[in-house]
Protein backbone atom coordinates (compact mmCIF):
# COMPACT_ATOMS: atom_id res chain seq x y z
CA UNK A 1 -103.39 52.28 41.99
CA UNK A 2 -100.81 49.47 42.05
CA UNK A 3 -99.40 48.43 45.35
CA UNK A 4 -95.72 47.27 45.12
CA UNK A 5 -94.93 43.95 46.67
CA UNK A 6 -92.05 43.78 49.08
CA UNK A 7 -90.91 40.28 47.96
CA UNK A 8 -90.37 41.19 44.25
CA UNK A 9 -87.07 42.90 44.86
CA UNK A 10 -85.83 39.97 46.88
CA UNK A 11 -86.80 37.46 44.18
CA UNK A 12 -85.02 39.48 41.60
CA UNK A 13 -81.78 39.43 43.61
CA UNK A 14 -82.09 35.69 44.14
CA UNK A 15 -82.61 35.12 40.44
CA UNK A 16 -79.54 37.19 39.56
CA UNK A 17 -77.43 35.31 42.09
CA UNK A 18 -78.54 31.98 40.68
CA UNK A 19 -77.72 33.07 37.15
CA UNK A 20 -74.27 34.25 38.25
CA UNK A 21 -73.64 30.99 40.09
CA UNK A 22 -74.67 28.91 37.10
CA UNK A 23 -72.44 31.05 34.88
CA UNK A 24 -69.47 30.54 37.16
CA UNK A 25 -70.05 26.79 37.21
CA UNK A 26 -70.29 26.69 33.42
CA UNK A 27 -67.12 28.76 33.01
CA UNK A 28 -65.30 26.50 35.48
CA UNK A 29 -66.50 23.37 33.70
CA UNK A 30 -65.45 24.73 30.31
CA UNK A 31 -62.04 25.71 31.69
CA UNK A 32 -61.46 22.24 33.15
CA UNK A 33 -62.61 20.59 29.94
CA UNK A 34 -60.37 22.74 27.77
CA UNK A 35 -57.41 22.10 30.05
CA UNK A 36 -57.91 18.38 29.66
CA UNK A 37 -58.05 18.49 25.87
CA UNK A 38 -54.94 17.25 24.02
CA UNK A 39 -53.09 19.85 21.95
CA UNK A 40 -53.84 19.84 18.27
CA UNK A 41 -51.50 17.61 16.23
CA UNK A 42 -48.90 19.67 14.32
CA UNK A 43 -49.14 19.53 10.56
CA UNK A 44 -46.35 18.15 8.35
CA UNK A 45 -46.25 18.39 4.57
CA UNK A 46 -46.45 14.83 3.26
CA UNK A 47 -44.36 15.74 0.22
CA UNK A 48 -41.33 16.42 2.43
CA UNK A 49 -41.42 12.95 3.99
CA UNK A 50 -39.98 9.65 2.85
CA UNK A 51 -42.47 6.81 3.47
CA UNK A 52 -42.48 3.10 2.83
CA UNK A 53 -44.82 0.16 3.38
CA UNK A 54 -43.97 -3.01 5.24
CA UNK A 55 -43.86 -6.09 3.01
CA UNK A 56 -43.02 -9.75 3.32
CA UNK A 57 -40.68 -11.45 0.89
CA UNK A 58 -37.00 -11.87 0.01
CA UNK A 59 -34.49 -9.36 1.36
CA UNK A 60 -30.94 -8.92 0.08
CA UNK A 61 -28.51 -7.95 2.84
CA UNK A 62 -25.84 -5.58 1.59
CA UNK A 63 -23.30 -3.15 2.98
CA UNK A 64 -21.98 -0.13 1.16
CA UNK A 65 -18.69 1.71 1.34
CA UNK A 66 -16.97 4.52 -0.49
CA UNK A 67 -13.34 4.50 -1.49
CA UNK A 68 -10.93 4.68 -4.38
CA UNK A 69 -9.37 2.49 -7.03
CA UNK A 70 -5.76 1.59 -6.28
CA UNK A 71 -3.23 -0.35 -8.28
CA UNK A 72 -2.43 -3.86 -7.13
CA UNK A 73 0.99 -3.57 -8.78
CA UNK A 74 2.84 -0.57 -7.34
CA UNK A 75 6.54 0.25 -7.56
CA UNK A 76 7.85 2.83 -5.10
CA UNK A 77 10.84 4.76 -6.44
CA UNK A 78 13.18 6.05 -3.71
CA UNK A 79 16.12 8.38 -4.11
CA UNK A 80 19.24 6.17 -4.13
CA UNK A 81 21.53 9.08 -3.17
CA UNK A 82 21.06 12.41 -1.42
CA UNK A 83 20.83 15.52 -3.56
CA UNK A 84 18.96 18.67 -4.48
CA UNK A 85 16.16 18.54 -7.08
CA UNK A 86 17.18 20.61 -10.10
CA UNK A 87 14.74 19.28 -12.75
CA UNK A 88 11.35 17.57 -12.76
CA UNK A 89 10.80 15.98 -16.14
CA UNK A 90 7.57 13.97 -15.71
CA UNK A 91 4.35 14.94 -13.94
CA UNK A 92 1.87 12.52 -12.27
CA UNK A 93 -0.50 10.83 -14.68
CA UNK A 94 2.02 10.49 -17.50
CA UNK A 95 2.91 7.03 -18.87
CA UNK A 96 6.54 6.03 -18.35
CA UNK A 97 8.98 3.37 -19.52
CA UNK A 98 11.70 1.67 -17.43
CA UNK A 99 14.42 4.12 -18.56
CA UNK A 100 12.29 7.26 -18.38
CA UNK A 101 14.09 9.93 -16.30
CA UNK A 102 11.58 11.29 -13.79
CA UNK A 103 13.73 13.96 -12.15
CA UNK A 104 17.36 15.02 -11.76
CA UNK A 105 19.33 15.65 -8.57
CA UNK A 106 22.56 17.54 -8.01
CA UNK A 107 25.35 16.49 -5.61
CA UNK A 108 28.88 17.87 -6.29
CA UNK A 109 30.40 15.63 -3.60
CA UNK A 110 29.37 12.51 -5.50
CA UNK A 111 30.94 13.85 -8.70
CA UNK A 112 34.21 14.52 -6.85
CA UNK A 113 34.15 11.06 -5.29
CA UNK A 114 33.73 9.51 -8.72
CA UNK A 115 36.70 11.48 -10.09
CA UNK A 116 38.93 10.36 -7.22
CA UNK A 117 37.82 6.75 -7.65
CA UNK A 118 38.55 6.96 -11.36
CA UNK A 119 42.09 8.22 -10.68
CA UNK A 120 42.69 5.45 -8.14
CA UNK A 121 41.42 2.86 -10.60
CA UNK A 122 43.72 4.08 -13.40
CA UNK A 123 46.67 4.17 -10.99
CA UNK A 124 45.99 0.60 -9.85
CA UNK A 125 45.75 -0.57 -13.45
CA UNK A 126 49.10 1.06 -14.37
CA UNK A 127 50.80 -0.32 -11.27
CA UNK A 128 49.48 -3.81 -11.95
CA UNK A 129 50.61 -3.66 -15.58
CA UNK A 130 54.12 -2.59 -14.49
CA UNK A 131 54.38 -5.38 -11.92
CA UNK A 132 53.16 -7.96 -14.41
CA UNK A 133 55.93 -6.92 -16.79
CA UNK A 134 58.44 -7.35 -13.98
CA UNK A 135 57.00 -10.78 -13.21
CA UNK A 136 57.45 -11.81 -16.84
CA UNK A 137 61.04 -10.57 -16.72
CA UNK A 138 61.69 -12.62 -13.57
CA UNK A 139 60.17 -15.65 -15.29
CA UNK A 140 62.50 -15.26 -18.26
CA UNK A 141 65.49 -14.88 -15.90
CA UNK A 142 64.60 -18.13 -14.17
CA UNK A 143 64.15 -19.88 -17.47
CA UNK A 144 67.56 -18.61 -18.60
CA UNK A 145 69.12 -19.82 -15.37
CA UNK A 146 67.55 -23.24 -15.89
CA UNK A 147 68.89 -23.35 -19.43
CA UNK A 148 72.39 -22.46 -18.15
CA UNK A 149 72.15 -25.20 -15.51
CA UNK A 150 71.06 -27.65 -18.19
CA UNK A 151 74.02 -26.71 -20.38
CA UNK A 152 76.48 -27.09 -17.50
CA UNK A 153 74.99 -30.47 -16.66
CA UNK A 154 75.23 -31.65 -20.23
CA UNK A 155 78.82 -30.52 -20.44
CA UNK A 156 79.73 -32.19 -17.13
CA UNK A 157 77.98 -35.39 -18.25
CA UNK A 158 79.83 -35.42 -21.54
CA UNK A 159 83.13 -34.89 -19.79
CA UNK A 160 82.31 -37.66 -17.33
CA UNK A 161 81.58 -40.08 -20.15
CA UNK A 162 84.95 -39.31 -21.73
CA UNK A 163 86.72 -39.71 -18.39
CA UNK A 164 84.99 -43.06 -17.82
CA UNK A 165 86.41 -44.42 -21.07
CA UNK A 166 89.85 -43.07 -20.32
CA UNK A 167 89.66 -44.54 -16.82
CA UNK A 168 88.80 -47.92 -18.26
CA UNK A 169 91.92 -47.65 -20.45
CA UNK A 170 94.00 -46.57 -17.43
CA UNK A 171 94.65 -43.21 -18.99
CA UNK A 172 93.51 -41.17 -15.94
CA UNK A 173 93.73 -41.69 -12.23
CA UNK A 174 90.99 -42.73 -9.84
CA UNK A 175 90.94 -39.26 -8.30
CA UNK A 176 90.24 -37.72 -11.70
CA UNK A 177 87.30 -39.94 -12.42
CA UNK A 178 85.95 -39.36 -8.92
CA UNK A 179 86.06 -35.58 -9.45
CA UNK A 180 84.32 -35.99 -12.79
CA UNK A 181 81.57 -38.11 -11.27
CA UNK A 182 81.08 -35.62 -8.39
CA UNK A 183 80.86 -32.75 -10.85
CA UNK A 184 78.02 -34.50 -12.74
CA UNK A 185 76.11 -35.12 -9.52
CA UNK A 186 76.57 -31.49 -8.45
CA UNK A 187 75.41 -30.17 -11.81
CA UNK A 188 72.42 -32.54 -11.73
CA UNK A 189 71.41 -31.31 -8.26
CA UNK A 190 71.71 -27.67 -9.32
CA UNK A 191 69.65 -28.42 -12.44
CA UNK A 192 66.95 -30.12 -10.35
CA UNK A 193 66.82 -27.17 -7.95
CA UNK A 194 66.55 -24.66 -10.81
CA UNK A 195 63.77 -26.73 -12.39
CA UNK A 196 61.85 -26.85 -9.08
CA UNK A 197 62.29 -23.09 -8.60
CA UNK A 198 60.93 -22.44 -12.10
CA UNK A 199 57.98 -24.76 -11.56
CA UNK A 200 57.18 -23.16 -8.19
CA UNK A 201 57.41 -19.70 -9.70
CA UNK A 202 55.16 -20.64 -12.62
CA UNK A 203 52.64 -22.65 -10.59
CA UNK A 204 52.45 -20.64 -7.37
CA UNK A 205 54.35 -17.38 -7.11
CA UNK A 206 53.40 -15.96 -10.50
CA UNK A 207 49.65 -16.84 -10.37
CA UNK A 208 49.32 -15.67 -6.75
CA UNK A 209 51.03 -12.37 -7.48
CA UNK A 210 48.98 -11.81 -10.64
CA UNK A 211 45.78 -12.68 -8.74
CA UNK A 212 46.67 -10.18 -6.04
CA UNK A 213 47.32 -7.50 -8.63
CA UNK A 214 44.07 -8.32 -10.41
CA UNK A 215 42.18 -8.18 -7.10
CA UNK A 216 43.63 -4.76 -6.36
CA UNK A 217 42.62 -3.55 -9.80
CA UNK A 218 39.17 -5.13 -9.49
CA UNK A 219 38.65 -3.46 -6.12
CA UNK A 220 39.62 -0.09 -7.52
CA UNK A 221 37.44 -0.64 -10.59
CA UNK A 222 34.50 -1.77 -8.44
CA UNK A 223 34.86 1.31 -6.27
CA UNK A 224 34.86 3.49 -9.38
CA UNK A 225 31.81 1.71 -10.81
CA UNK A 226 30.00 2.19 -7.51
CA UNK A 227 30.81 5.89 -7.46
CA UNK A 228 29.76 6.13 -11.10
CA UNK A 229 26.46 4.41 -10.37
CA UNK A 230 25.81 6.83 -7.51
CA UNK A 231 26.39 9.74 -9.87
CA UNK A 232 24.11 8.14 -12.47
CA UNK A 233 21.51 7.69 -9.72
CA UNK A 234 21.20 11.46 -9.64
CA UNK A 235 18.97 10.85 -12.66
CA UNK A 236 16.01 9.11 -11.04
CA UNK A 237 14.48 6.64 -13.51
CA UNK A 238 11.11 4.90 -13.42
CA UNK A 239 12.51 1.37 -13.35
CA UNK A 240 9.40 -0.16 -14.98
CA UNK A 241 6.61 0.65 -17.40
CA UNK A 242 3.40 2.11 -16.00
CA UNK A 243 1.79 5.39 -15.00
CA UNK A 244 3.40 7.92 -12.67
CA UNK A 245 1.12 8.36 -9.65
CA UNK A 246 0.90 11.19 -7.14
CA UNK A 247 2.74 10.69 -3.85
CA UNK A 248 1.59 12.16 -0.51
CA UNK A 249 4.57 14.51 -0.16
CA UNK A 250 5.04 16.09 -3.56
CA UNK A 251 8.64 16.77 -4.58
CA UNK A 252 9.38 20.39 -5.43
CA UNK A 253 12.21 22.08 -7.36
CA UNK A 254 15.12 23.01 -5.15
CA UNK A 255 14.10 20.55 -2.47
CA UNK A 256 16.86 18.56 -0.80
CA UNK A 257 16.12 14.86 -0.45
CA UNK A 258 18.00 12.22 1.48
CA UNK A 259 18.77 8.69 0.37
CA UNK A 260 15.68 6.51 0.70
CA UNK A 261 13.18 9.34 0.30
CA UNK A 262 10.24 8.24 -1.87
CA UNK A 263 10.23 10.55 -4.87
CA UNK A 264 7.83 8.70 -7.20
CA UNK A 265 5.32 5.87 -7.44
CA UNK A 266 4.69 3.81 -10.57
CA UNK A 267 1.34 2.05 -10.90
CA UNK A 268 -0.07 -0.50 -13.31
CA UNK A 269 -3.35 1.00 -14.65
CA UNK A 270 -4.49 -2.37 -15.99
CA UNK A 271 -4.43 -4.12 -12.63
CA UNK A 272 -6.64 -2.27 -10.15
CA UNK A 273 -8.56 -3.05 -7.00
CA UNK A 274 -11.10 -1.10 -4.96
CA UNK A 275 -10.33 -0.01 -1.41
CA UNK A 276 -13.62 0.67 0.37
CA UNK A 277 -14.22 2.28 3.76
CA UNK A 278 -17.08 0.34 5.36
CA UNK A 279 -18.67 1.63 8.61
CA UNK A 280 -17.50 -0.35 11.60
CA UNK A 281 -21.02 -1.47 12.57
CA UNK A 282 -21.64 -2.96 9.11
CA UNK A 283 -18.20 -4.45 8.58
CA UNK A 284 -18.70 -7.17 11.20
CA UNK A 285 -20.64 -9.30 8.70
CA UNK A 286 -18.09 -8.90 5.87
CA UNK A 287 -15.93 -11.96 5.21
CA UNK A 288 -13.42 -12.91 2.53
CA UNK A 289 -14.84 -14.06 -0.79
CA UNK A 290 -18.17 -12.20 -0.63
CA UNK A 291 -19.36 -10.87 -4.01
CA UNK A 292 -19.29 -7.11 -4.54
CA UNK A 293 -20.25 -4.57 -7.18
CA UNK A 294 -18.11 -1.47 -7.64
CA UNK A 295 -19.58 1.67 -9.22
CA UNK A 296 -16.99 3.94 -10.85
CA UNK A 297 -19.66 6.52 -11.88
CA UNK A 298 -18.87 5.53 -15.47
CA UNK A 299 -19.99 1.94 -15.14
CA UNK A 300 -19.94 -1.00 -12.74
CA UNK A 301 -17.58 -3.95 -12.38
CA UNK A 302 -17.98 -7.12 -10.32
CA UNK A 303 -15.48 -8.29 -7.76
CA UNK A 304 -14.87 -10.21 -4.54
CA UNK A 305 -13.69 -9.25 -1.08
CA UNK A 306 -9.95 -10.08 -1.01
CA UNK A 307 -8.75 -8.43 2.21
CA UNK A 308 -10.24 -6.98 5.40
CA UNK A 309 -8.12 -4.60 7.46
CA UNK A 310 -7.96 -5.84 11.07
CA UNK A 311 -7.90 -2.30 12.47
CA UNK A 312 -10.55 0.41 12.64
CA UNK A 313 -9.67 3.92 11.47
CA UNK A 314 -12.05 6.84 12.09
CA UNK A 315 -14.98 4.48 12.59
CA UNK A 316 -14.38 2.64 9.29
CA UNK A 317 -12.83 -0.66 8.26
CA UNK A 318 -10.85 -0.79 5.01
CA UNK A 319 -12.02 -3.61 2.72
CA UNK A 320 -10.17 -4.53 -0.48
CA UNK A 321 -12.23 -5.78 -3.44
CA UNK A 322 -10.40 -7.50 -6.28
CA UNK A 323 -12.02 -6.65 -9.62
CA UNK A 324 -12.90 -9.57 -11.89
CA UNK A 325 -14.71 -7.95 -14.79
CA UNK A 326 -13.68 -5.59 -17.55
CA UNK A 327 -12.85 -2.15 -16.17
CA UNK A 328 -15.24 0.62 -17.28
CA UNK A 329 -13.87 3.48 -19.41
CA UNK A 330 -12.00 6.06 -17.37
CA UNK A 331 -11.05 3.65 -14.57
CA UNK A 332 -7.69 4.69 -13.16
CA UNK A 333 -5.86 4.79 -9.82
CA UNK A 334 -7.26 7.17 -7.15
CA UNK A 335 -10.67 7.32 -8.87
CA UNK A 336 -13.50 7.67 -6.32
CA UNK A 337 -15.87 4.69 -6.31
CA UNK A 338 -18.83 3.28 -4.37
CA UNK A 339 -18.91 -0.42 -3.60
CA UNK A 340 -21.78 -2.65 -2.53
CA UNK A 341 -20.96 -5.96 -0.83
CA UNK A 342 -23.65 -8.66 -0.75
CA UNK A 343 -23.78 -10.39 2.65
CA UNK A 344 -26.65 -12.86 2.21
CA UNK A 345 -30.13 -13.32 0.75
CA UNK A 346 -33.01 -13.74 3.21
CA UNK A 347 -36.19 -15.50 2.10
CA UNK A 348 -39.71 -14.69 3.33
CA UNK A 349 -38.94 -12.03 5.96
CA UNK A 350 -40.90 -8.98 7.07
CA UNK A 351 -38.96 -5.94 5.87
CA UNK A 352 -39.28 -2.26 5.15
CA UNK A 353 -37.14 0.62 3.97
CA UNK A 354 -34.48 1.48 6.50
CA UNK A 355 -35.51 4.48 8.64
CA UNK A 356 -33.00 7.12 9.61
CA UNK A 357 -31.13 6.18 12.81
CA UNK A 358 -32.52 2.60 12.77
CA UNK A 359 -29.86 0.11 13.89
CA UNK A 360 -29.43 -3.63 13.53
CA UNK A 361 -31.13 -5.68 16.26
CA UNK A 362 -32.32 -2.42 17.84
CA UNK A 363 -35.55 -0.98 19.23
CA UNK A 364 -36.70 2.27 17.59
CA UNK A 365 -39.60 4.67 17.85
CA UNK A 366 -41.03 5.91 14.57
CA UNK A 367 -44.23 7.32 13.13
CA UNK A 368 -46.76 4.92 11.62
CA UNK A 369 -49.36 6.32 9.22
CA UNK A 370 -52.95 5.86 10.52
CA UNK A 371 -56.50 6.94 9.71
CA UNK A 372 -56.18 6.54 5.95
CA UNK A 373 -53.02 8.58 5.74
CA UNK A 374 -54.32 11.66 7.57
CA UNK A 375 -52.27 11.18 10.72
CA UNK A 376 -49.12 9.44 11.91
CA UNK A 377 -48.66 8.11 15.44
CA UNK A 378 -45.50 7.26 17.27
CA UNK A 379 -44.94 3.48 17.47
CA UNK A 380 -42.24 1.27 18.96
CA UNK A 381 -40.70 -1.26 16.56
CA UNK A 382 -38.16 -4.03 17.09
CA UNK A 383 -35.81 -4.36 14.11
CA UNK A 384 -33.54 -7.24 13.10
CA UNK A 385 -30.90 -7.59 10.42
CA UNK A 386 -30.11 -4.61 8.22
CA UNK A 387 -29.05 -3.91 4.68
CA UNK A 388 -28.07 -0.77 2.80
CA UNK A 389 -31.63 0.47 2.27
CA UNK A 390 -33.85 -2.13 3.97
CA UNK A 391 -34.21 -3.59 7.45
CA UNK A 392 -35.89 -6.66 8.90
CA UNK A 393 -38.95 -6.11 11.12
CA UNK A 394 -39.20 -8.40 14.17
CA UNK A 395 -42.29 -6.97 15.87
CA UNK A 396 -44.38 -3.78 16.07
CA UNK A 397 -45.43 -3.66 12.41
CA UNK A 398 -47.52 -5.77 10.05
CA UNK A 399 -47.63 -6.24 6.31
CA UNK A 400 -49.11 -3.16 4.66
CA UNK A 401 -48.25 -0.74 7.50
CA UNK A 402 -46.80 2.51 6.21
CA UNK A 403 -44.10 4.25 8.22
CA UNK A 404 -42.10 7.45 7.92
CA UNK A 405 -38.42 6.80 7.16
CA UNK A 406 -37.30 10.43 7.27
CA UNK A 407 -35.56 12.11 10.19
CA UNK A 408 -38.34 13.11 12.61
CA UNK A 409 -36.15 14.29 15.47
CA UNK A 410 -37.74 17.76 15.35
CA UNK A 411 -41.03 16.13 16.42
CA UNK A 412 -39.61 14.29 19.42
CA UNK A 413 -42.12 16.02 21.69
CA UNK A 414 -45.13 14.85 19.69
CA UNK A 415 -46.79 11.45 19.65
CA UNK A 416 -49.11 12.32 16.79
CA UNK A 417 -48.74 14.48 13.68
CA UNK A 418 -51.16 15.48 10.95
CA UNK A 419 -50.11 14.79 7.38
CA UNK A 420 -51.05 17.52 4.94
């Protein structure tokens, strides 16, 4: 018969307590260890990323801008007179000649003014003609008076000569010869006065009066021609050869326009330039004379920077590029283009493809590929000068390092990602 020991039950309880204690310690240790583990790196599909390797060598600094082709030779056609648009004869894009009528205006007041000016001109011409006839009649009267004075003088002179001979022969008295001599002097004075009057009339009065009449007629005729030109201006003509371009405020039928309103724009399609909108941050390095290449989507053409707008509009600076090569087919005003301006060529610099949001002379955080391309870790990189698609590396990267250029803002909370 077995005799139970009293200490067996106690040992069993102690053993169970020890096992429980050890279990609790192990669970606690595992919990602390797990809590201290870093979270697993999120996975990113490598095919969705844009990567590039750091290299050393030459780097071409360029800036890019989008814009349009514009004509360097533009003629703005304003309405010379007010009126209402009754006909539009030419649409934008059509070639025009200097006398091509673009549109027609209507203004009854101008037509009435021209009629009144025409009547005034004809009246002035008739009045001047009548007065000139009267002037000629007055001239003939003065000439006839001079001829009469000349005849009287000749007769008095002849009589005086006869009386002188008779006086020498004592046939007439001294009083008679004195009267005869006085008569000759009087007739001579009257003749001289008539001759002076005729000369003054011919040299001064007649020309001055005729000039005044001609001036009155010229004024009336000029007024009529002006009114006629205003009526003719109701037919708006191109004024030069070229291509009719679109204007910002398109003219519609029935629209009333005032004098000076721009109704058309004529461009020269053979003389174009590119107007590019360059981001403000990149435009600071652009100077006059820099070479550029303009892509019209149908070909490229070389050029040079010819003008830089001093103002900034909507974060962009307008840069004009004069085109020096042969224009590609289809090049025309208002065609959308992309221009690349070469700033400088850098030799033997550390460079890489330009990451998204990387700025010139700035410090950026980006992901560098590590562990044979399986992971990418966040790294801090100091960049230098920039170009359109490349950027200079100052520090933080070495030749052969591969970085992610894509936008990684969705992984801002991660310092390490796994590339799948």
